[in-house]
Each structure stands twice: as structure tokens, then as C-alpha cells.
N, C-alpha and C. Protein backbone atom coordinates (compact mmCIF):
# COMPACT_ATOMS: atom_id res chain seq x y z
N MET A 1 138.20 50.79 109.39
CA MET A 1 137.26 50.61 108.55
C MET A 1 137.65 51.28 107.46
N THR A 2 137.59 50.99 106.27
CA THR A 2 137.56 51.68 105.06
C THR A 2 136.67 52.76 104.00
N PRO A 3 136.67 54.01 104.15
CA PRO A 3 135.95 54.86 104.02
C PRO A 3 135.61 54.76 102.48
N SER A 4 134.11 54.96 102.58
CA SER A 4 133.26 54.90 101.99
C SER A 4 133.92 55.47 100.42
N VAL A 5 133.65 55.37 99.32
CA VAL A 5 133.97 55.91 97.49
C VAL A 5 132.98 56.66 97.52
N PRO A 6 133.26 57.83 96.90
CA PRO A 6 132.08 58.63 96.54
C PRO A 6 131.82 58.40 95.25
N PRO A 7 130.69 58.93 94.44
CA PRO A 7 130.15 58.42 93.25
C PRO A 7 131.15 59.31 92.33
N VAL A 8 131.58 58.45 91.32
CA VAL A 8 132.40 58.93 90.11
C VAL A 8 131.43 59.70 88.65
N SER A 9 130.40 60.45 88.90
CA SER A 9 129.64 60.39 87.90
C SER A 9 129.94 61.67 86.65
N SER A 10 131.36 62.06 87.08
CA SER A 10 131.72 63.09 85.73
C SER A 10 133.29 61.81 84.99
N ALA A 11 133.16 61.28 85.52
CA ALA A 11 135.00 60.36 85.36
C ALA A 11 134.86 59.91 84.01
N ILE A 12 133.88 59.95 83.42
CA ILE A 12 133.76 59.23 81.62
C ILE A 12 132.72 59.47 81.00
N PRO A 13 132.90 60.00 79.91
CA PRO A 13 131.77 60.46 78.50
C PRO A 13 131.04 59.12 78.32
N ILE A 14 130.00 58.85 78.51
CA ILE A 14 129.40 57.84 77.91
C ILE A 14 129.05 57.45 76.80
N ASP A 15 128.73 58.92 76.25
CA ASP A 15 128.51 59.16 74.83
C ASP A 15 129.34 58.81 73.99
N GLN A 16 130.94 58.50 74.43
CA GLN A 16 132.03 58.42 73.83
C GLN A 16 132.30 57.08 73.60
N ILE A 17 131.96 56.39 74.48
CA ILE A 17 132.16 54.98 74.58
C ILE A 17 131.06 54.05 73.21
N ARG A 18 132.50 53.14 72.54
CA ARG A 18 132.08 52.57 71.21
C ARG A 18 131.56 50.93 71.91
N PHE A 19 130.14 51.03 72.35
CA PHE A 19 129.40 49.84 72.31
C PHE A 19 129.33 49.08 71.26
N ASN A 20 129.67 47.96 71.46
CA ASN A 20 129.16 46.89 70.06
C ASN A 20 127.74 46.47 69.65
N GLN A 21 127.49 45.86 68.98
CA GLN A 21 126.40 45.68 67.99
C GLN A 21 125.58 45.29 69.00
N GLN A 22 125.51 44.84 70.09
CA GLN A 22 124.62 44.24 71.31
C GLN A 22 124.58 45.17 72.45
N GLY A 23 125.19 46.24 71.74
CA GLY A 23 125.07 47.41 72.93
C GLY A 23 125.98 47.27 74.42
N LEU A 24 126.60 46.41 74.03
CA LEU A 24 127.59 45.94 75.51
C LEU A 24 129.57 46.27 75.02
N VAL A 25 129.95 46.33 76.28
CA VAL A 25 131.61 47.05 75.85
C VAL A 25 132.30 46.27 77.42
N PRO A 26 133.15 45.54 77.03
CA PRO A 26 133.86 44.60 77.79
C PRO A 26 134.52 45.44 79.26
N ALA A 27 134.68 44.88 80.23
CA ALA A 27 135.07 45.76 81.49
C ALA A 27 135.83 44.92 81.99
N ILE A 28 137.11 45.49 82.26
CA ILE A 28 138.24 44.76 83.38
C ILE A 28 138.26 45.23 84.53
N ALA A 29 137.92 44.51 85.94
CA ALA A 29 138.41 45.06 86.92
C ALA A 29 139.50 44.46 87.58
N GLN A 30 140.46 45.38 88.15
CA GLN A 30 141.60 45.76 88.57
C GLN A 30 141.86 46.26 89.71
N ASP A 31 142.07 45.34 90.70
CA ASP A 31 142.39 45.70 92.18
C ASP A 31 143.63 46.96 92.09
N TYR A 32 142.64 47.91 92.88
CA TYR A 32 143.35 49.74 93.49
C TYR A 32 144.81 49.60 93.88
N LEU A 33 145.23 48.32 94.42
CA LEU A 33 146.20 48.60 95.46
C LEU A 33 147.50 47.63 94.44
N ASP A 34 147.12 46.65 94.03
CA ASP A 34 148.51 45.73 93.63
C ASP A 34 148.07 45.39 92.38
N GLY A 35 147.20 46.18 91.74
CA GLY A 35 146.91 46.02 90.01
C GLY A 35 146.54 44.50 89.79
N THR A 36 146.57 43.23 90.43
CA THR A 36 146.15 42.37 89.94
C THR A 36 144.91 42.67 88.99
N VAL A 37 144.49 41.55 87.90
CA VAL A 37 143.61 41.57 87.57
C VAL A 37 142.37 40.93 88.00
N LEU A 38 141.01 41.03 88.08
CA LEU A 38 140.56 40.17 88.78
C LEU A 38 139.34 39.67 88.11
N MET A 39 138.74 40.20 87.34
CA MET A 39 137.37 39.69 85.99
C MET A 39 137.55 40.47 84.91
N MET A 40 136.88 40.04 84.01
CA MET A 40 136.34 40.89 83.09
C MET A 40 135.09 40.32 82.47
N ALA A 41 134.20 41.63 82.42
CA ALA A 41 132.76 41.12 82.74
C ALA A 41 131.88 42.46 81.54
N TRP A 42 131.06 42.38 81.24
CA TRP A 42 130.10 42.94 80.49
C TRP A 42 129.42 44.62 80.81
N MET A 43 129.37 45.14 80.45
CA MET A 43 128.87 47.01 80.81
C MET A 43 127.94 47.22 79.20
N ASN A 44 126.51 48.02 79.50
CA ASN A 44 125.59 48.43 78.68
C ASN A 44 125.80 49.99 79.69
N ALA A 45 125.20 50.99 78.58
CA ALA A 45 124.88 52.34 78.93
C ALA A 45 124.53 52.52 80.23
N GLU A 46 123.45 51.66 80.68
CA GLU A 46 122.61 51.56 81.82
C GLU A 46 123.76 51.41 82.97
N SER A 47 124.71 50.42 82.92
CA SER A 47 124.99 49.87 84.10
C SER A 47 126.37 50.60 84.20
N LEU A 48 127.13 51.18 83.07
CA LEU A 48 127.98 51.72 83.57
C LEU A 48 127.21 53.29 83.32
N GLN A 49 125.75 53.84 83.21
CA GLN A 49 126.00 54.99 84.47
C GLN A 49 125.69 54.96 85.90
N LYS A 50 124.57 53.78 86.15
CA LYS A 50 125.02 53.23 87.40
C LYS A 50 125.91 53.14 88.22
N THR A 51 127.12 52.49 87.69
CA THR A 51 128.26 52.96 88.26
C THR A 51 129.06 53.82 88.81
N LEU A 52 128.60 54.95 88.05
CA LEU A 52 129.33 56.21 87.68
C LEU A 52 128.38 57.01 88.53
N GLU A 53 127.35 56.82 88.75
CA GLU A 53 126.67 57.54 89.57
C GLU A 53 126.28 56.85 91.26
N THR A 54 126.76 55.72 91.24
CA THR A 54 126.46 54.86 92.66
C THR A 54 127.96 54.58 93.32
N GLY A 55 129.16 54.46 92.45
CA GLY A 55 130.32 54.41 93.06
C GLY A 55 130.58 52.83 93.48
N GLU A 56 129.46 51.88 93.00
CA GLU A 56 129.81 50.61 92.99
C GLU A 56 129.30 50.05 91.52
N VAL A 57 130.09 49.03 91.22
CA VAL A 57 129.99 48.54 89.92
C VAL A 57 128.90 47.96 89.46
N TRP A 58 128.60 47.76 88.30
CA TRP A 58 127.15 47.23 88.24
C TRP A 58 127.80 46.65 86.49
N TYR A 59 127.36 45.30 86.07
CA TYR A 59 127.25 45.22 84.98
C TYR A 59 126.29 44.73 84.20
N TRP A 60 126.27 44.04 83.01
CA TRP A 60 125.40 43.29 82.29
C TRP A 60 125.44 42.25 82.12
N SER A 61 124.28 41.53 82.75
CA SER A 61 124.53 39.52 82.74
C SER A 61 124.03 38.96 81.29
N ARG A 62 124.59 38.79 80.40
CA ARG A 62 124.11 38.05 79.19
C ARG A 62 123.63 36.93 79.47
N SER A 63 123.47 36.09 80.08
CA SER A 63 122.88 34.86 80.53
C SER A 63 121.73 35.01 80.99
N ARG A 64 121.63 35.82 81.99
CA ARG A 64 120.20 36.21 82.61
C ARG A 64 119.63 37.30 81.93
N GLN A 65 120.12 38.41 81.22
CA GLN A 65 119.86 39.38 80.21
C GLN A 65 119.26 40.41 81.18
N GLU A 66 120.14 40.85 82.14
CA GLU A 66 119.36 42.20 82.99
C GLU A 66 120.75 42.59 84.10
N LEU A 67 120.46 43.59 84.92
CA LEU A 67 121.64 44.51 85.02
C LEU A 67 122.13 43.58 86.41
N TRP A 68 123.55 43.68 86.84
CA TRP A 68 123.91 42.83 87.77
C TRP A 68 124.91 43.69 88.73
N HIS A 69 124.32 43.61 90.03
CA HIS A 69 125.08 45.03 90.95
C HIS A 69 126.06 43.79 91.36
N LYS A 70 127.41 44.22 91.32
CA LYS A 70 128.42 43.12 91.79
C LYS A 70 128.63 43.06 93.29
N GLY A 71 128.39 41.62 93.90
CA GLY A 71 128.33 41.55 95.03
C GLY A 71 126.81 41.84 96.09
N ALA A 72 125.84 41.97 95.32
CA ALA A 72 124.90 42.45 95.85
C ALA A 72 124.03 41.18 96.99
N THR A 73 124.24 39.80 96.37
CA THR A 73 124.10 38.53 97.12
C THR A 73 125.11 37.91 98.21
N SER A 74 126.37 38.43 97.24
CA SER A 74 127.39 37.28 98.16
C SER A 74 128.19 38.59 99.05
N GLY A 75 128.20 39.81 98.83
CA GLY A 75 128.52 40.98 100.08
C GLY A 75 129.98 41.10 99.34
N HIS A 76 130.06 40.70 98.13
CA HIS A 76 131.80 41.06 97.68
C HIS A 76 131.63 42.07 96.78
N ILE A 77 130.96 43.23 97.36
CA ILE A 77 130.50 44.22 95.96
C ILE A 77 132.20 45.06 95.55
N GLN A 78 131.85 45.71 94.48
CA GLN A 78 133.28 46.29 94.20
C GLN A 78 133.03 47.80 94.17
N LYS A 79 133.99 48.82 94.83
CA LYS A 79 133.80 49.68 94.92
C LYS A 79 134.57 50.74 94.44
N VAL A 80 134.06 51.20 93.49
CA VAL A 80 135.06 51.82 92.47
C VAL A 80 136.15 53.62 92.97
N ARG A 81 137.36 53.18 92.19
CA ARG A 81 138.49 53.89 92.55
C ARG A 81 138.92 54.87 91.42
N GLY A 82 138.73 54.13 90.32
CA GLY A 82 139.15 54.81 88.95
C GLY A 82 138.54 54.06 87.65
N LEU A 83 138.35 54.89 86.51
CA LEU A 83 137.69 54.29 85.56
C LEU A 83 138.28 55.03 84.08
N ARG A 84 138.60 54.11 83.67
CA ARG A 84 139.46 54.49 82.30
C ARG A 84 138.60 53.64 80.92
N TYR A 85 139.24 54.66 80.06
CA TYR A 85 138.57 53.76 78.72
C TYR A 85 139.70 53.70 77.57
N ASP A 86 139.76 52.49 76.70
CA ASP A 86 141.20 52.57 76.01
C ASP A 86 141.47 53.46 74.84
N CYS A 87 142.20 53.63 73.62
CA CYS A 87 142.74 54.03 72.96
C CYS A 87 141.37 54.36 71.63
N ASP A 88 140.73 53.17 71.60
CA ASP A 88 139.70 52.98 70.52
C ASP A 88 138.55 53.20 70.91
N SER A 89 138.00 53.72 72.49
CA SER A 89 137.18 53.91 72.96
C SER A 89 135.90 52.53 73.44
N ASP A 90 136.41 51.33 72.89
CA ASP A 90 135.95 50.31 73.26
C ASP A 90 136.03 49.46 74.34
N ALA A 91 136.98 49.94 75.00
CA ALA A 91 137.32 48.75 76.46
C ALA A 91 137.16 49.69 77.33
N LEU A 92 136.76 49.11 78.99
CA LEU A 92 136.54 50.16 79.96
C LEU A 92 137.67 49.38 80.63
N LEU A 93 138.67 49.89 81.70
CA LEU A 93 139.20 49.55 82.84
C LEU A 93 139.04 50.14 84.28
N VAL A 94 138.28 49.20 85.20
CA VAL A 94 137.74 49.56 86.27
C VAL A 94 138.56 49.42 87.71
N THR A 95 139.24 50.77 88.10
CA THR A 95 140.20 50.41 88.97
C THR A 95 139.13 50.05 90.38
N ILE A 96 139.34 48.85 91.22
CA ILE A 96 138.14 48.82 92.11
C ILE A 96 138.77 48.22 93.85
N GLU A 97 138.26 48.87 95.04
CA GLU A 97 138.33 47.99 96.26
C GLU A 97 137.45 46.77 96.08
N GLN A 98 137.72 45.89 95.89
CA GLN A 98 137.35 44.59 96.38
C GLN A 98 136.88 43.89 97.56
N VAL A 99 135.95 44.27 97.33
CA VAL A 99 135.51 44.07 99.31
C VAL A 99 135.40 42.59 99.11
N GLY A 100 136.25 42.23 100.58
CA GLY A 100 136.03 40.59 100.98
C GLY A 100 137.63 40.08 100.06
N ASP A 101 138.05 40.63 99.17
CA ASP A 101 138.97 40.06 98.41
C ASP A 101 138.65 39.13 97.87
N VAL A 102 137.41 38.81 97.30
CA VAL A 102 137.35 37.83 96.21
C VAL A 102 136.07 38.04 95.30
N ALA A 103 136.83 38.22 94.21
CA ALA A 103 135.82 38.56 93.05
C ALA A 103 135.23 37.58 91.97
N CYS A 104 135.71 36.50 92.27
CA CYS A 104 135.25 35.01 91.14
C CYS A 104 134.25 34.31 92.12
N HIS A 105 133.49 33.98 91.32
CA HIS A 105 132.10 33.17 92.40
C HIS A 105 132.77 32.01 92.26
N THR A 106 133.80 31.26 92.31
CA THR A 106 134.20 30.12 92.86
C THR A 106 134.99 30.46 93.94
N GLY A 107 135.12 31.67 94.26
CA GLY A 107 135.22 31.63 96.04
C GLY A 107 136.78 32.15 95.74
N GLU A 108 137.66 32.34 94.25
CA GLU A 108 138.98 32.59 94.36
C GLU A 108 139.19 34.21 94.46
N ARG A 109 140.45 34.35 94.58
CA ARG A 109 140.78 36.30 94.66
C ARG A 109 139.75 37.03 93.18
N SER A 110 140.66 36.03 92.11
CA SER A 110 140.60 36.34 90.77
C SER A 110 139.62 35.32 89.86
N CYS A 111 139.39 35.92 88.92
CA CYS A 111 139.10 34.75 87.52
C CYS A 111 139.67 33.97 87.12
N PHE A 112 140.97 35.03 87.25
CA PHE A 112 141.87 34.32 86.03
C PHE A 112 143.16 33.47 87.10
N HIS A 113 142.76 32.31 87.39
CA HIS A 113 143.33 31.80 88.37
C HIS A 113 143.66 30.16 87.68
N GLN A 114 143.40 29.90 86.56
CA GLN A 114 143.71 28.26 86.16
C GLN A 114 144.91 28.79 85.01
N VAL A 115 145.66 27.53 85.56
CA VAL A 115 146.73 27.73 84.30
C VAL A 115 147.29 26.23 84.50
N GLN A 116 147.89 25.83 82.77
CA GLN A 116 148.51 24.86 82.33
C GLN A 116 149.59 24.37 83.03
N VAL A 117 149.85 23.47 83.81
CA VAL A 117 151.03 23.22 83.97
C VAL A 117 151.31 21.21 83.97
N GLU A 118 152.09 21.39 82.74
CA GLU A 118 152.15 19.70 82.62
C GLU A 118 150.62 19.17 82.06
N GLY A 119 150.32 19.80 81.57
CA GLY A 119 148.81 19.54 80.74
C GLY A 119 147.96 19.13 82.28
N ALA A 120 147.90 19.52 83.39
CA ALA A 120 146.73 19.92 84.17
C ALA A 120 146.89 20.76 84.58
N VAL A 121 145.12 21.33 84.87
CA VAL A 121 145.17 22.44 84.94
C VAL A 121 145.47 22.53 86.81
N GLU A 122 145.69 23.46 87.21
CA GLU A 122 146.32 24.05 88.54
C GLU A 122 145.86 25.51 88.50
N VAL A 123 145.58 26.10 90.23
CA VAL A 123 145.12 27.33 90.87
C VAL A 123 145.99 27.90 90.63
N VAL A 124 146.49 28.88 90.09
CA VAL A 124 147.81 29.65 90.61
C VAL A 124 147.19 31.14 90.93
N PRO A 125 147.42 32.04 91.81
CA PRO A 125 147.17 33.25 91.96
C PRO A 125 147.90 34.14 90.97
N PRO A 126 146.92 35.08 90.07
CA PRO A 126 147.38 36.00 89.30
C PRO A 126 148.28 36.41 89.44
N ALA A 127 149.28 37.02 88.53
CA ALA A 127 150.70 38.00 89.34
C ALA A 127 149.76 39.84 89.24
N ALA A 128 150.73 40.07 91.21
CA ALA A 128 150.44 41.11 90.98
C ALA A 128 151.47 42.42 90.91
N ASP A 129 151.78 43.52 91.44
CA ASP A 129 152.61 44.10 91.51
C ASP A 129 153.85 42.92 92.53
N THR A 130 155.16 43.89 91.51
CA THR A 130 156.40 42.75 92.10
C THR A 130 156.85 42.88 93.95
N LEU A 131 156.57 43.83 94.39
CA LEU A 131 156.66 43.70 96.01
C LEU A 131 155.65 42.54 96.06
N SER A 132 154.06 42.65 95.55
CA SER A 132 153.22 42.07 96.31
C SER A 132 153.94 40.37 96.21
N GLN A 133 154.20 40.29 94.66
CA GLN A 133 154.94 38.68 94.64
C GLN A 133 155.98 38.63 95.42
N VAL A 134 156.70 38.93 95.89
CA VAL A 134 158.31 38.68 96.61
C VAL A 134 157.66 38.58 98.10
N PHE A 135 156.45 39.06 98.16
CA PHE A 135 155.98 39.29 99.32
C PHE A 135 155.25 37.24 99.77
N GLY A 136 154.60 37.41 98.29
CA GLY A 136 153.80 36.12 98.44
C GLY A 136 155.21 34.94 98.57
N VAL A 137 156.19 35.19 98.11
CA VAL A 137 157.34 33.94 98.39
C VAL A 137 157.33 34.00 99.84
N ILE A 138 158.01 35.51 100.15
CA ILE A 138 158.63 35.30 101.49
C ILE A 138 157.08 35.03 102.81
N ARG A 139 156.10 35.14 102.46
CA ARG A 139 154.99 34.29 103.57
C ARG A 139 154.82 32.86 103.21
N ASP A 140 155.09 32.63 102.07
CA ASP A 140 155.41 31.21 101.91
C ASP A 140 156.43 30.22 102.50
N ARG A 141 157.54 31.12 102.67
CA ARG A 141 158.39 30.49 103.09
C ARG A 141 158.37 30.37 104.52
N LYS A 142 157.56 31.53 105.49
CA LYS A 142 157.05 31.11 106.66
C LYS A 142 156.59 29.95 107.19
N LEU A 143 155.71 30.19 105.94
CA LEU A 143 154.53 28.68 106.41
C LEU A 143 155.31 27.60 106.12
N ASN A 144 156.13 27.26 104.86
CA ASN A 144 156.54 26.32 104.60
C ASN A 144 158.14 26.24 104.42
N PRO A 145 158.60 26.05 105.29
CA PRO A 145 160.13 26.60 105.54
C PRO A 145 161.01 25.45 104.89
N LYS A 146 161.76 25.97 104.14
CA LYS A 146 162.75 25.17 102.85
C LYS A 146 164.58 25.66 103.06
N PRO A 147 164.93 24.41 103.38
CA PRO A 147 166.40 23.91 103.52
C PRO A 147 167.35 24.70 103.09
N GLY A 148 167.78 25.65 103.46
CA GLY A 148 168.95 26.78 103.09
C GLY A 148 168.53 28.08 102.40
N SER A 149 167.38 28.08 102.60
CA SER A 149 166.43 29.10 102.09
C SER A 149 167.15 31.01 103.44
N TYR A 150 167.65 31.68 102.62
CA TYR A 150 168.19 32.95 103.21
C TYR A 150 166.78 33.09 103.88
N THR A 151 165.75 33.31 103.68
CA THR A 151 164.62 34.31 103.79
C THR A 151 164.58 33.40 104.99
N ASN A 152 163.95 31.30 105.49
CA ASN A 152 163.92 31.25 106.48
C ASN A 152 165.01 31.04 107.71
N HIS A 153 166.28 31.77 107.35
CA HIS A 153 167.46 32.24 108.49
C HIS A 153 167.15 33.47 108.68
N LEU A 154 166.71 34.37 108.10
CA LEU A 154 166.12 35.47 108.98
C LEU A 154 165.17 35.05 109.48
N PHE A 155 163.89 34.73 109.56
CA PHE A 155 163.13 33.85 110.55
C PHE A 155 163.52 33.52 111.56
N GLU A 156 164.10 32.48 111.59
CA GLU A 156 164.96 31.93 112.15
C GLU A 156 165.44 32.52 113.53
N GLY A 157 166.29 33.84 113.17
CA GLY A 157 166.88 34.46 113.81
C GLY A 157 165.85 35.37 114.39
N GLY A 158 164.70 35.84 114.08
CA GLY A 158 163.74 36.88 114.49
C GLY A 158 164.09 37.98 114.46
N ASP A 159 163.84 38.70 114.97
CA ASP A 159 163.62 40.51 115.28
C ASP A 159 165.34 40.72 115.23
N ASN A 160 165.90 40.35 116.00
CA ASN A 160 167.21 40.68 115.98
C ASN A 160 167.65 40.51 114.92
N LYS A 161 167.92 39.17 113.96
CA LYS A 161 168.80 39.51 112.97
C LYS A 161 167.85 40.39 111.81
N ILE A 162 166.41 40.31 111.83
CA ILE A 162 166.12 40.74 110.58
C ILE A 162 165.95 42.35 110.77
N LEU A 163 166.26 42.76 112.12
CA LEU A 163 166.04 44.17 112.16
C LEU A 163 167.60 45.10 111.86
N GLN A 164 168.28 43.62 112.49
CA GLN A 164 169.94 44.36 112.36
C GLN A 164 169.99 44.25 110.69
N LYS A 165 169.50 43.49 110.07
CA LYS A 165 169.62 43.84 108.11
C LYS A 165 169.03 44.82 108.20
N ILE A 166 168.17 45.39 108.00
CA ILE A 166 167.07 46.51 107.91
C ILE A 166 168.31 47.33 108.20
N GLY A 167 168.61 47.48 109.84
CA GLY A 167 169.46 48.70 109.62
C GLY A 167 170.62 48.80 108.77
N GLU A 168 171.60 47.45 108.77
CA GLU A 168 172.68 47.26 107.90
C GLU A 168 172.13 48.45 106.38
N GLU A 169 170.84 47.80 105.71
CA GLU A 169 170.67 47.96 104.60
C GLU A 169 170.26 49.36 104.33
N ALA A 170 170.02 49.93 105.09
CA ALA A 170 169.14 51.36 105.32
C ALA A 170 170.87 52.13 105.38
N VAL A 171 171.72 51.91 106.06
CA VAL A 171 172.88 52.67 105.70
C VAL A 171 173.28 52.60 104.63
N GLU A 172 173.17 51.31 103.79
CA GLU A 172 174.11 50.96 102.94
C GLU A 172 173.06 51.77 101.76
N VAL A 173 171.92 52.09 101.88
CA VAL A 173 171.03 53.02 100.35
C VAL A 173 171.67 54.46 100.69
N VAL A 174 171.75 54.99 102.30
CA VAL A 174 172.23 56.06 102.20
C VAL A 174 173.61 56.17 102.12
N MET A 175 174.63 55.36 101.78
CA MET A 175 175.62 55.79 101.43
C MET A 175 175.68 55.64 99.93
N ALA A 176 175.12 54.93 99.25
CA ALA A 176 174.89 55.07 97.82
C ALA A 176 174.17 56.00 97.07
N CYS A 177 173.81 56.81 97.86
CA CYS A 177 173.00 57.79 97.78
C CYS A 177 173.79 59.07 97.51
N LYS A 178 175.13 59.00 98.37
CA LYS A 178 175.65 60.01 99.20
C LYS A 178 176.98 59.96 97.85
N ASP A 179 177.36 58.72 97.33
CA ASP A 179 178.23 58.57 95.99
C ASP A 179 177.47 58.65 94.63
N ASP A 180 176.07 59.04 95.01
CA ASP A 180 175.10 59.25 93.63
C ASP A 180 175.72 58.27 92.99
N ALA A 181 175.09 56.95 93.05
CA ALA A 181 175.45 55.92 92.12
C ALA A 181 173.84 55.40 91.92
N PRO A 182 173.34 55.68 90.52
CA PRO A 182 172.06 54.95 90.57
C PRO A 182 171.85 53.74 90.30
N ASP A 183 172.93 52.70 89.94
CA ASP A 183 172.49 51.40 90.11
C ASP A 183 172.46 50.97 91.20
N GLU A 184 173.42 51.41 91.85
CA GLU A 184 174.40 50.79 93.34
C GLU A 184 172.42 51.19 94.22
N ILE A 185 172.30 52.48 93.82
CA ILE A 185 171.12 52.64 94.99
C ILE A 185 169.41 52.19 94.68
N ALA A 186 169.89 51.51 93.23
CA ALA A 186 168.55 51.09 92.99
C ALA A 186 169.10 49.55 93.88
N GLY A 187 169.98 48.78 93.80
CA GLY A 187 170.47 47.41 94.39
C GLY A 187 170.09 47.52 95.83
N GLU A 188 170.63 48.63 96.38
CA GLU A 188 170.34 48.63 97.68
C GLU A 188 169.26 49.26 98.35
N VAL A 189 168.30 49.50 97.45
CA VAL A 189 166.60 49.98 98.20
C VAL A 189 165.96 48.58 97.72
N ALA A 190 166.53 47.83 96.71
CA ALA A 190 165.48 46.44 96.20
C ALA A 190 166.12 45.56 98.07
N ASP A 191 167.47 45.83 98.20
CA ASP A 191 167.44 45.11 99.47
C ASP A 191 167.21 45.57 100.53
N LEU A 192 166.49 46.63 101.17
CA LEU A 192 166.27 47.03 102.11
C LEU A 192 164.72 46.95 101.82
N LEU A 193 163.77 47.17 100.78
CA LEU A 193 162.25 46.62 100.39
C LEU A 193 162.57 44.96 101.08
N TYR A 194 163.05 44.06 100.71
CA TYR A 194 163.14 42.60 100.85
C TYR A 194 163.09 42.61 102.16
N HIS A 195 164.10 43.13 103.05
CA HIS A 195 164.29 42.92 104.21
C HIS A 195 162.95 43.78 105.04
N THR A 196 162.45 44.60 104.58
CA THR A 196 161.44 44.88 105.27
C THR A 196 160.22 44.04 105.42
N LEU A 197 159.80 43.39 103.82
CA LEU A 197 158.67 42.65 103.58
C LEU A 197 159.10 41.46 104.98
N VAL A 198 160.04 40.94 105.04
CA VAL A 198 160.50 40.07 105.84
C VAL A 198 159.91 40.08 107.21
N ALA A 199 160.48 41.79 107.93
CA ALA A 199 160.40 41.87 109.21
C ALA A 199 158.35 42.34 108.79
N ILE A 200 158.01 42.24 108.30
CA ILE A 200 156.55 42.55 107.82
C ILE A 200 155.60 41.42 107.89
N ALA A 201 156.52 40.22 107.52
CA ALA A 201 155.90 38.82 107.63
C ALA A 201 156.07 38.36 108.64
N HIS A 202 157.18 38.50 109.48
CA HIS A 202 157.34 38.16 110.64
C HIS A 202 156.18 38.43 111.42
N HIS A 203 155.69 39.75 111.75
CA HIS A 203 154.74 40.65 112.48
C HIS A 203 153.54 40.06 112.16
N ASP A 204 153.01 39.24 111.12
CA ASP A 204 151.92 38.76 110.40
C ASP A 204 150.94 40.45 109.69
N VAL A 205 151.83 41.43 109.05
CA VAL A 205 151.12 42.19 108.99
C VAL A 205 150.85 42.38 107.17
N ASP A 206 150.30 42.63 106.68
CA ASP A 206 149.91 41.88 104.97
C ASP A 206 150.48 43.29 104.53
N LEU A 207 150.92 43.09 103.05
CA LEU A 207 151.51 44.14 102.60
C LEU A 207 150.36 45.26 102.11
N LYS A 208 149.10 44.30 101.97
CA LYS A 208 147.98 45.40 101.32
C LYS A 208 147.90 46.14 102.41
N ALA A 209 148.05 45.96 104.06
CA ALA A 209 147.56 47.18 104.66
C ALA A 209 148.78 48.10 104.42
N VAL A 210 150.12 48.03 104.46
CA VAL A 210 151.02 49.11 103.80
C VAL A 210 150.37 49.37 102.82
N TYR A 211 149.95 49.61 101.61
CA TYR A 211 149.28 50.06 100.84
C TYR A 211 148.25 50.78 101.34
N ARG A 212 147.17 50.70 101.83
CA ARG A 212 146.50 50.65 102.48
C ARG A 212 146.86 52.69 103.05
N LYS A 213 147.55 51.86 103.94
CA LYS A 213 148.44 53.45 104.17
C LYS A 213 149.01 54.65 103.81
N LEU A 214 149.76 53.89 102.44
CA LEU A 214 150.20 54.90 101.43
C LEU A 214 148.73 55.58 100.53
N GLN A 215 148.21 54.76 100.20
CA GLN A 215 146.70 55.53 99.51
C GLN A 215 146.25 56.69 100.46
N SER A 216 146.01 56.22 101.32
CA SER A 216 145.30 57.20 102.85
C SER A 216 146.09 58.33 102.44
N ARG A 217 147.92 58.26 102.36
CA ARG A 217 148.45 59.51 102.64
C ARG A 217 148.92 60.35 100.94
N ARG A 218 148.58 59.68 100.19
CA ARG A 218 148.52 59.92 98.72
C ARG A 218 148.27 61.17 98.25
């Protein structure tokens, strides 16, 4: 069970925020685990204050002209993990835990899911951090095997093959560190991370579960 996030009442000085002529400021919501940009909406001073006081995100709906508690009806609330304002004090970055992992009213994880591909609109998940992108490819290989894929070769070998490679790569990381060779260290660690991602995908463990463990120990 995810622990509740405490209010962040002293996290940002509202009187220093430069609201526009309509009394609004753009707020970007970003996933606190993998950095994915989830949505952009507007806040006024009152919604920002409620966000700071409650630890859950409130926006201002321009179409309805009223405060909007994100997820109040859908259950997809946004718990505040951090709040920043930019160098001009006229934009906000809200780092959040997205309950249900759905931020967009369409049911997509992120509102920024549309791209043009050869003149047609396709739904493509937005980029997250590099490990998440690599993990996405690995998981796709598991669901949609590709002939000649090294990743699929590992999956076919099961634990014996995957764990053997993790052991080999771990030894190579140690040797590169003993040699104090920065480029080799980076390369061997990349190999170790990749094979570890294959292992957790093989056992149906989500990378986000690993991130949550790291966050809890941070």
C-alpha cells in the first residue's frame, strides 16, 4: 500500500508566482518515478493554495470556471511529491504520484500521447527515463517475439540463461572498476542493467516497483 503524501504547505511562495492577466499560471504534472510528462493544466492562487494544503493537486478549469480537484470523480487523483517554479516564476512543475497511472481523460497515461506518423495520428506513450524506455522494448519483445532478437534468445533460455548473463556482467563490472576504466565501467554497468531488466520482465516485475523500492529507501 502506498503511504499517504503529507501536505506541502511551505513548499512554494505563492506571492512570488507571476500569474497571467487572467490570474492563472500553467502547471505541468510529471510522474515522480520515471519523469514522464503527464499533463498540463492551469492553476490560480486558490487552487495552488489548496494543492499545497492538501497534498493533492487542484487545478482551475477554464471551461467550467471553477476549482477542479483532479481525480475527484474518476479516482485518478494526483498526490504531490514535489513542486517547483521556473526561473521567471510564471510556470509550475508539479511532481506527482498518479493514482491509477492514468492522467488523461481519454484513459491514456499521459495527455501527450499523440504523434504524427506519415500523415496519420498514432497513439505513442511519451518518453520516460532511459531505463523505462529500454524496459518497454524488452517487455514488448516478450509479448511480441522478434526473430533474431537477442532479448528473445534470453527469454527462451529462461532463468538459467538470464541469471548466467547477470553473473557474467556483474563480474565484468567488478573488473572494470578494479581497472579504474570509466568508459568500460559505464559500458559494463549498462550491460548489467539491461540483463537485470530482462530478468525482472521474465518474472513479470514492473520496473516501477523497483523505483518505488528505491524511493522508499532514499
